[in-house]
Amino acid sequence: MAIEKHYTGHELAELLGFDYETVLLMAQRREIASIRFGRYRRFPESAVRDYLNRHRENVVELRPRVASSPERKAR
């Protein structure tokens, strides 16, 4: 049995591109599961995956822009 990775609030904030305070607020609102170890909070990797799966519909896929040819501009 493998031990699951746990992220600190700062690690998770960097991973998700959020502010540290936002991550703590998400934990407080129970938007993402966390575990308290004394005064420290850790976020299991499975909880991060669950959060990302729940919010997958908010992800916007970037499509490469097609440069317009000079011929199209002349028309």
Protein backbone atom coordinates (compact mmCIF):
# COMPACT_ATOMS: atom_id res chain seq x y z
CA MET A 1 0.00 0.00 0.00
CA ALA A 2 1.46 3.34 -1.09
CA ILE A 3 1.26 6.43 1.07
CA GLU A 4 -0.65 9.23 -0.60
CA LYS A 5 1.10 12.55 -1.22
CA HIS A 6 -0.17 15.51 0.80
CA TYR A 7 0.34 19.12 -0.26
CA THR A 8 0.84 22.11 2.00
CA GLY A 9 -1.36 25.14 1.42
CA HIS A 10 1.53 26.97 -0.26
CA GLU A 11 2.31 24.01 -2.54
CA LEU A 12 -1.33 23.69 -3.53
CA ALA A 13 -1.66 27.42 -4.18
CA GLU A 14 1.33 27.29 -6.50
CA LEU A 15 0.08 24.13 -8.21
CA LEU A 16 -3.38 25.58 -8.89
CA GLY A 17 -2.25 29.16 -9.52
CA PHE A 18 -4.26 30.53 -6.59
CA ASP A 19 -3.31 32.77 -3.68
CA TYR A 20 -2.49 30.98 -0.44
CA GLU A 21 -5.43 32.72 1.27
CA THR A 22 -7.78 31.44 -1.46
CA VAL A 23 -6.67 27.86 -0.81
CA LEU A 24 -7.33 28.27 2.91
CA LEU A 25 -10.74 29.78 2.21
CA MET A 26 -11.57 26.84 -0.08
CA ALA A 27 -10.69 24.45 2.74
CA GLN A 28 -12.75 26.46 5.21
CA ARG A 29 -15.75 26.33 2.85
CA ARG A 30 -15.13 22.59 2.37
CA GLU A 31 -14.69 23.05 -1.37
CA ILE A 32 -11.56 20.92 -1.10
CA ALA A 33 -10.88 18.31 1.55
CA SER A 34 -8.01 18.87 3.95
CA ILE A 35 -6.55 17.31 7.05
CA ARG A 36 -5.42 19.24 10.12
CA PHE A 37 -2.21 18.23 11.89
CA GLY A 38 -2.15 20.54 14.88
CA ARG A 39 -1.93 24.01 13.39
CA TYR A 40 -0.90 22.69 9.97
CA ARG A 41 -3.29 21.84 7.14
CA ARG A 42 -2.49 19.29 4.44
CA PHE A 43 -4.36 18.53 1.23
CA PRO A 44 -4.39 14.90 0.04
CA GLU A 45 -3.63 14.38 -3.64
CA SER A 46 -6.95 12.52 -4.04
CA ALA A 47 -8.81 15.61 -2.75
CA VAL A 48 -6.98 17.80 -5.28
CA ARG A 49 -7.92 15.40 -8.09
CA ASP A 50 -11.56 15.39 -6.93
CA TYR A 51 -11.62 19.19 -6.86
CA LEU A 52 -10.17 19.41 -10.36
CA ASN A 53 -12.63 16.82 -11.71
CA ARG A 54 -15.59 18.70 -10.22
CA HIS A 55 -14.44 21.95 -11.82
CA ARG A 56 -13.43 20.49 -15.16
CA GLU A 57 -16.37 22.16 -16.96
CA ASN A 58 -14.84 25.55 -16.10
CA VAL A 59 -11.68 24.76 -18.03
CA VAL A 60 -11.39 26.55 -21.34
CA GLU A 61 -9.32 24.81 -23.98
CA LEU A 62 -7.04 27.14 -25.88
CA ARG A 63 -7.03 26.70 -29.61
CA PRO A 64 -4.15 27.94 -31.73
CA ARG A 65 -4.95 31.11 -33.62
CA VAL A 66 -4.88 30.82 -37.35
CA ALA A 67 -3.01 33.72 -38.85
CA SER A 68 -4.98 35.32 -41.59
CA SER A 69 -3.28 35.34 -44.96
CA PRO A 70 -2.64 38.63 -46.79
CA GLU A 71 -5.00 37.37 -49.53
CA ARG A 72 -7.94 37.33 -47.12
CA LYS A 73 -7.31 40.89 -46.01
CA ALA A 74 -7.23 42.10 -49.62
CA ARG A 75 -10.69 40.67 -50.35
